[in-house]
Amino acid sequence: MLGRDLDENENVSVRAFSGNIIKAAPTGTDRDEAFRRLRARIDETSKRAEGVSENEIDAAIDEAADYVRHHRG
């Protein structure tokens, strides 16, 4: 999706923005709860992919990314 493989020491991060307003990141217990909800969502999503090979997952991601690139608005 990035157009190249990542090096072992590289990471990808995703940030969500609401319009032109940048919200402060949660702190304290709000941050802990947000992290818990994120992990729960990741776990739910990963269960739906049980039994699917990594190659099949990569191919599906590539197919979706290619579709979006060629069918924009």
Protein backbone atom coordinates (compact mmCIF):
# COMPACT_ATOMS: atom_id res chain seq x y z
CA MET A 1 0.00 0.00 0.00
CA LEU A 2 2.95 2.34 0.61
CA GLY A 3 4.54 1.55 -2.71
CA ARG A 4 7.54 -0.15 -1.14
CA ASP A 5 8.46 -2.64 1.56
CA LEU A 6 9.19 -1.35 5.04
CA ASP A 7 12.61 -1.75 6.58
CA GLU A 8 12.76 -3.69 9.84
CA ASN A 9 13.26 -0.51 11.83
CA GLU A 10 10.38 1.39 10.18
CA ASN A 11 6.84 1.78 11.47
CA VAL A 12 3.59 3.03 9.99
CA SER A 13 1.23 5.17 12.01
CA VAL A 14 -2.30 6.32 11.26
CA ARG A 15 -3.81 9.51 12.61
CA ALA A 16 -7.46 10.50 12.40
CA PHE A 17 -8.51 14.14 12.05
CA SER A 18 -11.93 15.68 12.33
CA GLY A 19 -12.17 18.41 9.70
CA ASN A 20 -9.66 21.20 10.27
CA ILE A 21 -9.82 20.85 14.04
CA ILE A 22 -7.04 18.86 15.66
CA LYS A 23 -8.13 17.25 18.91
CA ALA A 24 -5.73 16.63 21.76
CA ALA A 25 -4.87 13.01 22.38
CA PRO A 26 -6.61 11.47 25.38
CA THR A 27 -4.67 11.16 28.60
CA GLY A 28 -4.93 9.14 31.80
CA THR A 29 -7.94 6.83 32.10
CA ASP A 30 -9.42 8.13 28.81
CA ARG A 31 -6.24 7.05 27.03
CA ASP A 32 -6.32 3.65 28.74
CA GLU A 33 -9.96 3.15 27.69
CA ALA A 34 -9.25 4.21 24.10
CA PHE A 35 -6.36 1.74 23.96
CA ARG A 36 -8.54 -1.03 25.41
CA ARG A 37 -11.24 -0.36 22.79
CA LEU A 38 -8.66 -0.31 19.99
CA ARG A 39 -7.17 -3.65 21.10
CA ALA A 40 -10.67 -5.16 21.36
CA ARG A 41 -11.46 -4.02 17.83
CA ILE A 42 -8.17 -5.43 16.52
CA ASP A 43 -8.88 -8.75 18.25
CA GLU A 44 -12.41 -8.89 16.75
CA THR A 45 -11.07 -8.17 13.28
CA SER A 46 -8.28 -10.73 13.56
CA LYS A 47 -10.79 -13.45 14.51
CA ARG A 48 -12.55 -12.90 11.19
CA ALA A 49 -9.26 -13.66 9.39
CA GLU A 50 -8.53 -16.93 11.19
CA GLY A 51 -7.53 -19.60 8.71
CA VAL A 52 -6.71 -17.09 5.97
CA SER A 53 -3.10 -17.11 4.85
CA GLU A 54 -0.95 -14.00 5.03
CA ASN A 55 -0.58 -14.12 1.24
CA GLU A 56 -4.36 -14.08 0.80
CA ILE A 57 -4.69 -11.14 3.20
CA ASP A 58 -1.92 -9.23 1.39
CA ALA A 59 -3.57 -9.94 -1.97
CA ALA A 60 -6.94 -8.68 -0.70
CA ILE A 61 -5.34 -5.48 0.63
CA ASP A 62 -3.51 -4.94 -2.67
CA GLU A 63 -6.73 -5.49 -4.62
CA ALA A 64 -8.65 -3.02 -2.45
CA ALA A 65 -5.91 -0.40 -2.67
CA ASP A 66 -5.73 -0.79 -6.45
CA TYR A 67 -9.51 -0.42 -6.73
CA VAL A 68 -9.50 2.78 -4.66
CA ARG A 69 -6.63 4.26 -6.68
CA HIS A 70 -8.51 3.74 -9.94
CA HIS A 71 -12.09 4.52 -8.84
CA ARG A 72 -11.81 7.78 -6.97
CA GLY A 73 -14.74 10.22 -6.90
